[in-house]
Amino acid sequence: MLVAIGPPFDATSERYELLSRVAGLVVYDLRTRLRAQGWGVVRALADAADAERLAQSLRDAGFRAVVLDSAVAQDPTRVALPLRSLLCRSDGMTLEFRDGSVSFPYESLLTIVRGELRSGDGHRESERLWPTGGSHGDLAVARDVSPLTAFDAVAVADLHFSSVLWIARIEVKSFDFSAFGYNNGTVEALEALVSHLAERAGVRVDRSSRTSSLVSHVRSGTLRSSTPPPAPAREVAGFGLPSTVRDEPSSSRPPPSSALRHSKPPTSDPRFDGYSRLVAEAEREMVRLAAPELGTRSQQSR
C-alpha cells in the first residue's frame, strides 16, 4: 500500500521537517521522494492498517495524503481509449470516438495527466521490491536502469472523470485539433487544448510523470490488492450502451462498445499508463475524503 502526498505541497524546509517528524523519515529521503507540483510516495507499507494510520496522521498535520493500492496501476478495466476529437459546449464536453460519443459536464472532469508514451529501447529497466528494515514494514523499490538508447515518444493527455474508471486519451498524432483552431500534430496544440480544458473545468494538470516517485511503484501492483480481480478490458465497454450517446450530462456508463471493437489497440506505455491511473485514483480518493467534510459543513450551516 502506498502512502502518497499530493499538491498543493509547500516544499519548504519547515514542511519537510514537519513531515519528517510525522512520517519518521529523514528530511533528505523525503526531498528525493516528494516534489511541490506532483504526487509522491512517502512510504510503501505492507500492512493496509499501518498505511491508513500514517495517512491520517499526515492529514491531521495538514498534508494532502491518501492511501493507494499499487494494484491500481495494473488494473485493465481502467483502459485508455484514444479520442478522435472533442466538442466543448457551454455546459460540458462531448468526447468523440471512432464510432460514437459520450458527453460529460465540466464538473465531472477529475484531473488531466500530461505526459508521453514511450516505446523502443528506452525502457531497459528492471525493478524489485525489498524490505527496508524500518519499524513500519516499509518496502522500497530497487531500480536497475541501463543507459537509454533510441526510443519513440508520443505526447498525450489523459482525461480522467469522476464517474467512470476508463480514460479518454488525447494523442497528439491522431487527435483532430482543427475545431479549436490549432494545427494538427503539434505539441503546442495539445498544450493549448489541455490548458483550455483545465481552465473550463477548474482542475489541475499533472505533469510529473517523469519525476514522481509514484512511477517507481507502477510495476509493484501484483504484490497485494484489497480489491477483487478486475474484469478483462473487453468487458469494460458495452453493457447495452448504444453506439452513439449524445447529451448525457452525468454519464457513468462506459464508452461506446464500438470504440473498442472497431478501433486499433490504443497506444500504450506501461509506465505512463500505470502512473496516470495512480494519479487519478489519488485525486478520486481526495474527493471521497472531502465528501464527509462537505456534508458536515452543510449541516452546521443550517
C-alpha atoms as a PDB file:
ATOM      1  CA  MET A   1       0.000   0.000   0.000  1.00  0.00           C
ATOM      2  CA  LEU A   2       1.308   3.417  -0.974  1.00  0.00           C
ATOM      3  CA  VAL A   3       1.007   6.413   1.337  1.00  0.00           C
ATOM      4  CA  ALA A   4       1.165   9.387  -1.018  1.00  0.00           C
ATOM      5  CA  ILE A   5       1.122  13.158  -0.649  1.00  0.00           C
ATOM      6  CA  GLY A   6      -0.147  15.394  -3.402  1.00  0.00           C
ATOM      7  CA  PRO A   7      -0.215  19.051  -4.379  1.00  0.00           C
ATOM      8  CA  PRO A   8      -0.513  21.658  -3.215  1.00  0.00           C
ATOM      9  CA  PHE A   9       2.609  20.770  -1.220  1.00  0.00           C
ATOM     10  CA  ASP A  10       4.680  23.630   0.151  1.00  0.00           C
ATOM     11  CA  ALA A  11       8.200  22.241  -0.305  1.00  0.00           C
ATOM     12  CA  THR A  12       9.810  24.436   2.344  1.00  0.00           C
ATOM     13  CA  SER A  13      12.314  23.352   4.977  1.00  0.00           C
ATOM     14  CA  GLU A  14       9.668  23.789   7.676  1.00  0.00           C
ATOM     15  CA  ARG A  15       7.188  21.494   5.922  1.00  0.00           C
ATOM     16  CA  TYR A  16       9.832  18.860   5.265  1.00  0.00           C
ATOM     17  CA  GLU A  17      10.805  18.982   8.944  1.00  0.00           C
ATOM     18  CA  LEU A  18       7.188  18.509   9.993  1.00  0.00           C
ATOM     19  CA  LEU A  19       6.739  15.710   7.504  1.00  0.00           C
ATOM     20  CA  SER A  20       9.910  14.076   8.814  1.00  0.00           C
ATOM     21  CA  ARG A  21       8.562  14.051  12.365  1.00  0.00           C
ATOM     22  CA  VAL A  22       5.176  12.635  11.357  1.00  0.00           C
ATOM     23  CA  ALA A  23       6.459  10.018   8.902  1.00  0.00           C
ATOM     24  CA  GLY A  24       9.576   9.048  10.818  1.00  0.00           C
ATOM     25  CA  LEU A  25      11.881   9.606   7.849  1.00  0.00           C
ATOM     26  CA  VAL A  26      14.914  11.810   7.386  1.00  0.00           C
ATOM     27  CA  VAL A  27      14.450  15.067   5.502  1.00  0.00           C
ATOM     28  CA  TYR A  28      16.951  14.132   2.792  1.00  0.00           C
ATOM     29  CA  ASP A  29      14.994  10.988   1.964  1.00  0.00           C
ATOM     30  CA  LEU A  30      11.732  12.941   1.780  1.00  0.00           C
ATOM     31  CA  ARG A  31      13.230  15.545  -0.549  1.00  0.00           C
ATOM     32  CA  THR A  32      14.099  12.792  -3.027  1.00  0.00           C
ATOM     33  CA  ARG A  33      10.574  11.355  -2.885  1.00  0.00           C
ATOM     34  CA  LEU A  34       8.386  14.455  -2.924  1.00  0.00           C
ATOM     35  CA  ARG A  35       8.089  17.422  -5.263  1.00  0.00           C
ATOM     36  CA  ALA A  36       5.984  20.539  -4.885  1.00  0.00           C
ATOM     37  CA  GLN A  37       3.825  20.110  -8.008  1.00  0.00           C
ATOM     38  CA  GLY A  38       3.113  16.387  -8.137  1.00  0.00           C
ATOM     39  CA  TRP A  39       2.060  13.307  -6.212  1.00  0.00           C
ATOM     40  CA  GLY A  40       4.817  11.418  -4.433  1.00  0.00           C
ATOM     41  CA  VAL A  41       5.121   8.346  -2.231  1.00  0.00           C
ATOM     42  CA  VAL A  42       6.047   8.988   1.388  1.00  0.00           C
ATOM     43  CA  ARG A  43       6.108   5.312   2.283  1.00  0.00           C
ATOM     44  CA  ALA A  44       5.199   1.961   0.797  1.00  0.00           C
ATOM     45  CA  LEU A  45       3.856  -0.243   3.591  1.00  0.00           C
ATOM     46  CA  ALA A  46       2.954  -3.908   3.577  1.00  0.00           C
ATOM     47  CA  ASP A  47       0.096  -3.526   6.053  1.00  0.00           C
ATOM     48  CA  ALA A  48      -3.021  -1.601   4.987  1.00  0.00           C
ATOM     49  CA  ALA A  49      -3.918  -0.590   8.549  1.00  0.00           C
ATOM     50  CA  ASP A  50      -0.454   0.870   9.132  1.00  0.00           C
ATOM     51  CA  ALA A  51      -0.726   2.767   5.859  1.00  0.00           C
ATOM     52  CA  GLU A  52      -4.097   4.273   6.778  1.00  0.00           C
ATOM     53  CA  ARG A  53      -2.856   5.307  10.229  1.00  0.00           C
ATOM     54  CA  LEU A  54       0.118   7.100   8.705  1.00  0.00           C
ATOM     55  CA  ALA A  55      -2.060   8.801   6.092  1.00  0.00           C
ATOM     56  CA  GLN A  56      -4.458  10.014   8.782  1.00  0.00           C
ATOM     57  CA  SER A  57      -1.562  11.413  10.809  1.00  0.00           C
ATOM     58  CA  LEU A  58      -0.340  13.246   7.731  1.00  0.00           C
ATOM     59  CA  ARG A  59      -3.815  14.654   7.056  1.00  0.00           C
ATOM     60  CA  ASP A  60      -4.059  15.771  10.682  1.00  0.00           C
ATOM     61  CA  ALA A  61      -0.793  17.638  10.158  1.00  0.00           C
ATOM     62  CA  GLY A  62      -2.249  19.453   7.157  1.00  0.00           C
ATOM     63  CA  PHE A  63      -0.905  17.342   4.302  1.00  0.00           C
ATOM     64  CA  ARG A  64      -2.991  16.112   1.353  1.00  0.00           C
ATOM     65  CA  ALA A  65      -2.400  12.413   1.970  1.00  0.00           C
ATOM     66  CA  VAL A  66      -4.077   9.273   0.643  1.00  0.00           C
ATOM     67  CA  VAL A  67      -3.546   5.517   0.651  1.00  0.00           C
ATOM     68  CA  LEU A  68      -3.296   3.880  -2.760  1.00  0.00           C
ATOM     69  CA  ASP A  69      -3.382   0.221  -3.662  1.00  0.00           C
ATOM     70  CA  SER A  70      -0.472  -0.186  -6.064  1.00  0.00           C
ATOM     71  CA  ALA A  71      -2.536  -2.788  -7.961  1.00  0.00           C
ATOM     72  CA  VAL A  72      -4.496   0.119  -9.452  1.00  0.00           C
ATOM     73  CA  ALA A  73      -1.531   0.758 -11.758  1.00  0.00           C
ATOM     74  CA  GLN A  74      -2.129  -2.617 -13.420  1.00  0.00           C
ATOM     75  CA  ASP A  75      -5.943  -2.552 -13.490  1.00  0.00           C
ATOM     76  CA  PRO A  76      -7.004  -3.396 -17.076  1.00  0.00           C
ATOM     77  CA  THR A  77     -10.534  -2.062 -16.507  1.00  0.00           C
ATOM     78  CA  ARG A  78      -9.009   1.428 -16.440  1.00  0.00           C
ATOM     79  CA  VAL A  79      -8.378   1.268 -20.155  1.00  0.00           C
ATOM     80  CA  ALA A  80      -7.192   4.341 -22.071  1.00  0.00           C
ATOM     81  CA  LEU A  81      -9.310   4.956 -25.170  1.00  0.00           C
ATOM     82  CA  PRO A  82      -7.961   7.258 -27.900  1.00  0.00           C
ATOM     83  CA  LEU A  83     -10.124  10.260 -28.740  1.00  0.00           C
ATOM     84  CA  ARG A  84     -10.598  11.395 -32.330  1.00  0.00           C
ATOM     85  CA  SER A  85     -11.959  14.831 -31.422  1.00  0.00           C
ATOM     86  CA  LEU A  86     -13.697  16.761 -28.684  1.00  0.00           C
ATOM     87  CA  LEU A  87     -16.545  19.274 -28.655  1.00  0.00           C
ATOM     88  CA  CYS A  88     -16.729  21.931 -25.942  1.00  0.00           C
ATOM     89  CA  ARG A  89     -20.146  23.358 -25.125  1.00  0.00           C
ATOM     90  CA  SER A  90     -21.257  25.876 -22.545  1.00  0.00           C
ATOM     91  CA  ASP A  91     -22.378  23.129 -20.141  1.00  0.00           C
ATOM     92  CA  GLY A  92     -19.863  20.392 -20.852  1.00  0.00           C
ATOM     93  CA  MET A  93     -17.888  18.432 -23.401  1.00  0.00           C
ATOM     94  CA  THR A  94     -18.592  15.632 -25.871  1.00  0.00           C
ATOM     95  CA  LEU A  95     -15.893  13.041 -26.427  1.00  0.00           C
ATOM     96  CA  GLU A  96     -15.782  11.759 -29.980  1.00  0.00           C
ATOM     97  CA  PHE A  97     -14.503   8.220 -30.554  1.00  0.00           C
ATOM     98  CA  ARG A  98     -14.248   6.461 -33.878  1.00  0.00           C
ATOM     99  CA  ASP A  99     -17.822   5.105 -33.814  1.00  0.00           C
ATOM    100  CA  GLY A 100     -19.611   7.007 -31.078  1.00  0.00           C
ATOM    101  CA  SER A 101     -19.514   9.741 -28.467  1.00  0.00           C
ATOM    102  CA  VAL A 102     -20.090  10.336 -24.769  1.00  0.00           C
ATOM    103  CA  SER A 103     -20.908  13.638 -23.048  1.00  0.00           C
ATOM    104  CA  PHE A 104     -19.844  14.870 -19.616  1.00  0.00           C
ATOM    105  CA  PRO A 105     -20.381  18.100 -17.688  1.00  0.00           C
ATOM    106  CA  TYR A 106     -17.182  20.003 -16.968  1.00  0.00           C
ATOM    107  CA  GLU A 107     -17.504  19.392 -13.236  1.00  0.00           C
ATOM    108  CA  SER A 108     -17.126  15.649 -13.746  1.00  0.00           C
ATOM    109  CA  LEU A 109     -13.572  16.086 -15.070  1.00  0.00           C
ATOM    110  CA  LEU A 110     -11.358  14.916 -12.218  1.00  0.00           C
ATOM    111  CA  THR A 111      -7.860  15.664 -13.462  1.00  0.00           C
ATOM    112  CA  ILE A 112      -5.698  15.739 -16.594  1.00  0.00           C
ATOM    113  CA  VAL A 113      -2.429  13.806 -16.711  1.00  0.00           C
ATOM    114  CA  ARG A 114       0.008  15.109 -19.315  1.00  0.00           C
ATOM    115  CA  GLY A 115       2.968  13.036 -20.431  1.00  0.00           C
ATOM    116  CA  GLU A 116       4.499  10.880 -23.120  1.00  0.00           C
ATOM    117  CA  LEU A 117       4.059   7.323 -24.328  1.00  0.00           C
ATOM    118  CA  ARG A 118       7.489   5.853 -24.918  1.00  0.00           C
ATOM    119  CA  SER A 119       8.457   2.779 -26.877  1.00  0.00           C
ATOM    120  CA  GLY A 120      11.637   1.270 -28.217  1.00  0.00           C
ATOM    121  CA  ASP A 121      14.922   0.550 -26.454  1.00  0.00           C
ATOM    122  CA  GLY A 122      14.494   3.379 -23.965  1.00  0.00           C
ATOM    123  CA  HIS A 123      12.723   1.149 -21.448  1.00  0.00           C
ATOM    124  CA  ARG A 124      15.507  -1.141 -20.322  1.00  0.00           C
ATOM    125  CA  GLU A 125      14.698  -1.087 -16.656  1.00  0.00           C
ATOM    126  CA  SER A 126      14.119  -3.718 -14.004  1.00  0.00           C
ATOM    127  CA  GLU A 127      12.699  -3.281 -10.532  1.00  0.00           C
ATOM    128  CA  ARG A 128      12.390  -5.409  -7.447  1.00  0.00           C
ATOM    129  CA  LEU A 129      10.830  -4.858  -4.038  1.00  0.00           C
ATOM    130  CA  TRP A 130      12.815  -5.297  -0.876  1.00  0.00           C
ATOM    131  CA  PRO A 131      12.131  -4.540   2.839  1.00  0.00           C
ATOM    132  CA  THR A 132      13.960  -1.526   4.224  1.00  0.00           C
ATOM    133  CA  GLY A 133      14.096  -2.892   7.722  1.00  0.00           C
ATOM    134  CA  GLY A 134      12.100   0.013   9.118  1.00  0.00           C
ATOM    135  CA  SER A 135       9.788  -0.383  12.072  1.00  0.00           C
ATOM    136  CA  HIS A 136       6.670   0.141   9.961  1.00  0.00           C
ATOM    137  CA  GLY A 137       7.171  -2.623   7.413  1.00  0.00           C
ATOM    138  CA  ASP A 138       8.416  -0.299   4.699  1.00  0.00           C
ATOM    139  CA  LEU A 139       9.006  -1.546   1.186  1.00  0.00           C
ATOM    140  CA  ALA A 140      11.299   0.111  -1.282  1.00  0.00           C
ATOM    141  CA  VAL A 141      11.902  -0.311  -4.987  1.00  0.00           C
ATOM    142  CA  ALA A 142      15.397  -1.094  -6.164  1.00  0.00           C
ATOM    143  CA  ARG A 143      15.804   0.078  -9.723  1.00  0.00           C
ATOM    144  CA  ASP A 144      18.388  -1.181 -12.177  1.00  0.00           C
ATOM    145  CA  VAL A 145      18.416   1.202 -15.119  1.00  0.00           C
ATOM    146  CA  SER A 146      20.638   0.753 -18.147  1.00  0.00           C
ATOM    147  CA  PRO A 147      21.566   3.713 -20.366  1.00  0.00           C
ATOM    148  CA  LEU A 148      18.746   4.935 -22.570  1.00  0.00           C
ATOM    149  CA  THR A 149      19.076   4.463 -26.267  1.00  0.00           C
ATOM    150  CA  ALA A 150      16.723   5.302 -29.133  1.00  0.00           C
ATOM    151  CA  PHE A 151      13.009   5.451 -28.405  1.00  0.00           C
ATOM    152  CA  ASP A 152       9.842   6.900 -29.850  1.00  0.00           C
ATOM    153  CA  ALA A 153       7.732   9.296 -27.790  1.00  0.00           C
ATOM    154  CA  VAL A 154       4.145  10.376 -28.363  1.00  0.00           C
ATOM    155  CA  ALA A 155       2.785  13.356 -26.436  1.00  0.00           C
ATOM    156  CA  VAL A 156      -0.536  12.580 -24.755  1.00  0.00           C
ATOM    157  CA  ALA A 157      -3.016  13.920 -22.217  1.00  0.00           C
ATOM    158  CA  ASP A 158      -5.272  11.609 -20.218  1.00  0.00           C
ATOM    159  CA  LEU A 159      -8.702  12.923 -19.233  1.00  0.00           C
ATOM    160  CA  HIS A 160      -9.983  11.284 -16.050  1.00  0.00           C
ATOM    161  CA  PHE A 161     -13.613  11.635 -14.976  1.00  0.00           C
ATOM    162  CA  SER A 162     -15.055  11.136 -11.516  1.00  0.00           C
ATOM    163  CA  SER A 163     -17.940   8.918 -12.654  1.00  0.00           C
ATOM    164  CA  VAL A 164     -16.024   6.367 -14.761  1.00  0.00           C
ATOM    165  CA  LEU A 165     -12.762   4.441 -14.492  1.00  0.00           C
ATOM    166  CA  TRP A 166     -11.870   4.344 -18.187  1.00  0.00           C
ATOM    167  CA  ILE A 167      -9.614   7.077 -19.551  1.00  0.00           C
ATOM    168  CA  ALA A 168     -10.112   9.365 -22.536  1.00  0.00           C
ATOM    169  CA  ARG A 169      -6.680   9.810 -24.115  1.00  0.00           C
ATOM    170  CA  ILE A 170      -5.676  12.637 -26.431  1.00  0.00           C
ATOM    171  CA  GLU A 171      -2.740  11.568 -28.598  1.00  0.00           C
ATOM    172  CA  VAL A 172      -1.065  14.428 -30.425  1.00  0.00           C
ATOM    173  CA  LYS A 173      -0.531  12.352 -33.586  1.00  0.00           C
ATOM    174  CA  SER A 174      -4.134  11.237 -34.066  1.00  0.00           C
ATOM    175  CA  PHE A 175      -6.386  13.859 -32.421  1.00  0.00           C
ATOM    176  CA  ASP A 176      -8.165  16.433 -34.584  1.00  0.00           C
ATOM    177  CA  PHE A 177      -7.345  19.864 -33.146  1.00  0.00           C
ATOM    178  CA  SER A 178      -8.845  21.800 -36.066  1.00  0.00           C
ATOM    179  CA  ALA A 179     -12.122  22.528 -34.245  1.00  0.00           C
ATOM    180  CA  PHE A 180     -10.119  24.638 -31.782  1.00  0.00           C
ATOM    181  CA  GLY A 181      -8.176  26.450 -34.471  1.00  0.00           C
ATOM    182  CA  TYR A 182      -4.918  24.645 -33.710  1.00  0.00           C
ATOM    183  CA  ASN A 183      -2.562  22.905 -36.112  1.00  0.00           C
ATOM    184  CA  ASN A 184      -2.838  19.131 -36.013  1.00  0.00           C
ATOM    185  CA  GLY A 185       0.065  17.012 -34.839  1.00  0.00           C
ATOM    186  CA  THR A 186       1.825  19.642 -32.710  1.00  0.00           C
ATOM    187  CA  VAL A 187       2.673  19.615 -29.028  1.00  0.00           C
ATOM    188  CA  GLU A 188       1.708  23.294 -28.897  1.00  0.00           C
ATOM    189  CA  ALA A 189      -1.840  22.363 -29.919  1.00  0.00           C
ATOM    190  CA  LEU A 190      -2.018  19.727 -27.188  1.00  0.00           C
ATOM    191  CA  GLU A 191      -0.753  22.155 -24.554  1.00  0.00           C
ATOM    192  CA  ALA A 192      -3.259  24.809 -25.621  1.00  0.00           C
ATOM    193  CA  LEU A 193      -6.173  22.358 -25.501  1.00  0.00           C
ATOM    194  CA  VAL A 194      -5.117  20.967 -22.126  1.00  0.00           C
ATOM    195  CA  SER A 195      -4.891  24.479 -20.665  1.00  0.00           C
ATOM    196  CA  HIS A 196      -8.302  25.330 -22.099  1.00  0.00           C
ATOM    197  CA  LEU A 197      -9.978  22.241 -20.619  1.00  0.00           C
ATOM    198  CA  ALA A 198      -8.281  22.672 -17.242  1.00  0.00           C
ATOM    199  CA  GLU A 199      -9.451  26.278 -17.038  1.00  0.00           C
ATOM    200  CA  ARG A 200     -13.032  25.437 -18.061  1.00  0.00           C
ATOM    201  CA  ALA A 201     -13.271  22.547 -15.589  1.00  0.00           C
ATOM    202  CA  GLY A 202     -11.183  24.097 -12.829  1.00  0.00           C
ATOM    203  CA  VAL A 203      -8.891  21.067 -12.479  1.00  0.00           C
ATOM    204  CA  ARG A 204      -5.173  20.546 -12.041  1.00  0.00           C
ATOM    205  CA  VAL A 205      -2.939  19.310 -14.838  1.00  0.00           C
ATOM    206  CA  ASP A 206      -0.403  16.761 -13.625  1.00  0.00           C
ATOM    207  CA  ARG A 207       2.928  16.974 -15.449  1.00  0.00           C
ATOM    208  CA  SER A 208       5.104  14.919 -13.118  1.00  0.00           C
ATOM    209  CA  SER A 209       5.246  11.546 -14.862  1.00  0.00           C
ATOM    210  CA  ARG A 210       9.000  11.938 -15.445  1.00  0.00           C
ATOM    211  CA  THR A 211       9.884  12.911 -11.865  1.00  0.00           C
ATOM    212  CA  SER A 212       7.278  11.492  -9.481  1.00  0.00           C
ATOM    213  CA  SER A 213       8.240   8.674  -7.120  1.00  0.00           C
ATOM    214  CA  LEU A 214       4.890   7.071  -7.985  1.00  0.00           C
ATOM    215  CA  VAL A 215       6.483   5.769 -11.186  1.00  0.00           C
ATOM    216  CA  SER A 216       8.824   3.536  -9.175  1.00  0.00           C
ATOM    217  CA  HIS A 217       5.813   1.631  -7.858  1.00  0.00           C
ATOM    218  CA  VAL A 218       3.945   1.150 -11.127  1.00  0.00           C
ATOM    219  CA  ARG A 219       5.097  -2.445 -11.510  1.00  0.00           C
ATOM    220  CA  SER A 220       4.613  -3.455  -7.871  1.00  0.00           C
ATOM    221  CA  GLY A 221       0.845  -3.744  -8.124  1.00  0.00           C
ATOM    222  CA  THR A 222       0.736  -7.544  -8.246  1.00  0.00           C
ATOM    223  CA  LEU A 223       2.069  -7.886  -4.710  1.00  0.00           C
ATOM    224  CA  ARG A 224      -1.103  -7.003  -2.921  1.00  0.00           C
ATOM    225  CA  SER A 225      -4.588  -5.817  -3.721  1.00  0.00           C
ATOM    226  CA  SER A 226      -7.588  -5.327  -1.464  1.00  0.00           C
ATOM    227  CA  THR A 227      -9.930  -5.192  -4.455  1.00  0.00           C
ATOM    228  CA  PRO A 228     -11.368  -8.146  -6.382  1.00  0.00           C
ATOM    229  CA  PRO A 229      -9.678  -9.114  -9.652  1.00  0.00           C
ATOM    230  CA  PRO A 230     -10.779  -6.732 -12.430  1.00  0.00           C
ATOM    231  CA  ALA A 231     -12.773  -7.871 -15.420  1.00  0.00           C
ATOM    232  CA  PRO A 232     -10.985  -8.194 -18.746  1.00  0.00           C
ATOM    233  CA  ALA A 233     -10.701  -4.931 -20.639  1.00  0.00           C
ATOM    234  CA  ARG A 234     -13.047  -6.149 -23.376  1.00  0.00           C
ATOM    235  CA  GLU A 235     -15.848  -6.356 -20.787  1.00  0.00           C
ATOM    236  CA  VAL A 236     -15.480  -2.731 -19.737  1.00  0.00           C
ATOM    237  CA  ALA A 237     -17.183  -1.283 -22.771  1.00  0.00           C
ATOM    238  CA  GLY A 238     -20.735  -2.099 -23.676  1.00  0.00           C
ATOM    239  CA  PHE A 239     -23.400  -3.047 -21.149  1.00  0.00           C
ATOM    240  CA  GLY A 240     -26.007  -2.269 -23.783  1.00  0.00           C
ATOM    241  CA  LEU A 241     -24.754   1.239 -24.462  1.00  0.00           C
ATOM    242  CA  PRO A 242     -25.771   2.452 -27.938  1.00  0.00           C
ATOM    243  CA  SER A 243     -23.007   3.123 -30.408  1.00  0.00           C
ATOM    244  CA  THR A 244     -23.723   6.850 -30.125  1.00  0.00           C
ATOM    245  CA  VAL A 245     -24.595   8.654 -26.884  1.00  0.00           C
ATOM    246  CA  ARG A 246     -25.323  12.363 -27.048  1.00  0.00           C
ATOM    247  CA  ASP A 247     -26.015  14.927 -24.342  1.00  0.00           C
ATOM    248  CA  GLU A 248     -25.643  12.619 -21.388  1.00  0.00           C
ATOM    249  CA  PRO A 249     -24.739  15.138 -18.666  1.00  0.00           C
ATOM    250  CA  SER A 250     -23.827  12.658 -15.935  1.00  0.00           C
ATOM    251  CA  SER A 251     -22.654   9.602 -17.815  1.00  0.00           C
ATOM    252  CA  SER A 252     -21.447   6.847 -15.504  1.00  0.00           C
ATOM    253  CA  ARG A 253     -21.554   4.233 -18.217  1.00  0.00           C
ATOM    254  CA  PRO A 254     -18.665   3.003 -20.353  1.00  0.00           C
ATOM    255  CA  PRO A 255     -17.880   4.488 -23.765  1.00  0.00           C
ATOM    256  CA  PRO A 256     -19.405   3.007 -26.891  1.00  0.00           C
ATOM    257  CA  SER A 257     -18.506  -0.656 -27.207  1.00  0.00           C
ATOM    258  CA  SER A 258     -17.575   0.020 -30.812  1.00  0.00           C
ATOM    259  CA  ALA A 259     -14.802   2.296 -29.556  1.00  0.00           C
ATOM    260  CA  LEU A 260     -13.005  -0.871 -28.516  1.00  0.00           C
ATOM    261  CA  ARG A 261     -14.395  -3.310 -31.081  1.00  0.00           C
ATOM    262  CA  HIS A 262     -13.520  -1.470 -34.263  1.00  0.00           C
ATOM    263  CA  SER A 263     -10.545   0.699 -33.440  1.00  0.00           C
ATOM    264  CA  LYS A 264      -6.971  -0.496 -33.373  1.00  0.00           C
ATOM    265  CA  PRO A 265      -5.463  -1.278 -29.939  1.00  0.00           C
ATOM    266  CA  PRO A 266      -4.684   2.011 -28.150  1.00  0.00           C
ATOM    267  CA  THR A 267      -1.069   3.100 -27.978  1.00  0.00           C
ATOM    268  CA  SER A 268       0.253   2.255 -24.546  1.00  0.00           C
ATOM    269  CA  ASP A 269       3.261   2.628 -22.287  1.00  0.00           C
ATOM    270  CA  PRO A 270       3.021   0.537 -19.085  1.00  0.00           C
ATOM    271  CA  ARG A 271       4.920   3.104 -17.039  1.00  0.00           C
ATOM    272  CA  PHE A 272       2.850   6.118 -18.065  1.00  0.00           C
ATOM    273  CA  ASP A 273      -0.406   4.131 -18.080  1.00  0.00           C
ATOM    274  CA  GLY A 274       0.200   2.978 -14.513  1.00  0.00           C
ATOM    275  CA  TYR A 275       1.258   6.416 -13.354  1.00  0.00           C
ATOM    276  CA  SER A 276      -1.823   8.036 -14.874  1.00  0.00           C
ATOM    277  CA  ARG A 277      -4.114   5.514 -13.159  1.00  0.00           C
ATOM    278  CA  LEU A 278      -2.486   6.104  -9.777  1.00  0.00           C
ATOM    279  CA  VAL A 279      -2.725   9.895 -10.054  1.00  0.00           C
ATOM    280  CA  ALA A 280      -6.416   9.675 -10.950  1.00  0.00           C
ATOM    281  CA  GLU A 281      -7.072   7.290  -8.071  1.00  0.00           C
ATOM    282  CA  ALA A 282      -5.318   9.670  -5.685  1.00  0.00           C
ATOM    283  CA  GLU A 283      -7.483  12.575  -6.843  1.00  0.00           C
ATOM    284  CA  ARG A 284     -10.578  10.355  -6.658  1.00  0.00           C
ATOM    285  CA  GLU A 285      -9.675   9.377  -3.097  1.00  0.00           C
ATOM    286  CA  MET A 286      -9.259  13.031  -2.114  1.00  0.00           C
ATOM    287  CA  VAL A 287     -12.766  13.737  -3.410  1.00  0.00           C
ATOM    288  CA  ARG A 288     -14.082  10.838  -1.328  1.00  0.00           C
ATOM    289  CA  LEU A 289     -12.295  12.057   1.792  1.00  0.00           C
ATOM    290  CA  ALA A 290     -13.622  15.580   1.291  1.00  0.00           C
ATOM    291  CA  ALA A 291     -17.244  14.421   0.938  1.00  0.00           C
ATOM    292  CA  PRO A 292     -17.899  13.836   4.686  1.00  0.00           C
ATOM    293  CA  GLU A 293     -16.368  17.230   5.475  1.00  0.00           C
ATOM    294  CA  LEU A 294     -18.650  18.937   2.962  1.00  0.00           C
ATOM    295  CA  GLY A 295     -21.642  17.169   4.462  1.00  0.00           C
ATOM    296  CA  THR A 296     -20.663  18.243   7.969  1.00  0.00           C
ATOM    297  CA  ARG A 297     -20.232  21.857   6.912  1.00  0.00           C
ATOM    298  CA  SER A 298     -23.620  21.796   5.193  1.00  0.00           C
ATOM    299  CA  GLN A 299     -25.337  20.530   8.349  1.00  0.00           C
ATOM    300  CA  GLN A 300     -23.560  23.113  10.518  1.00  0.00           C
ATOM    301  CA  SER A 301     -24.715  25.941   8.250  1.00  0.00           C
ATOM    302  CA  ARG A 302     -28.377  25.052   8.684  1.00  0.00           C
END
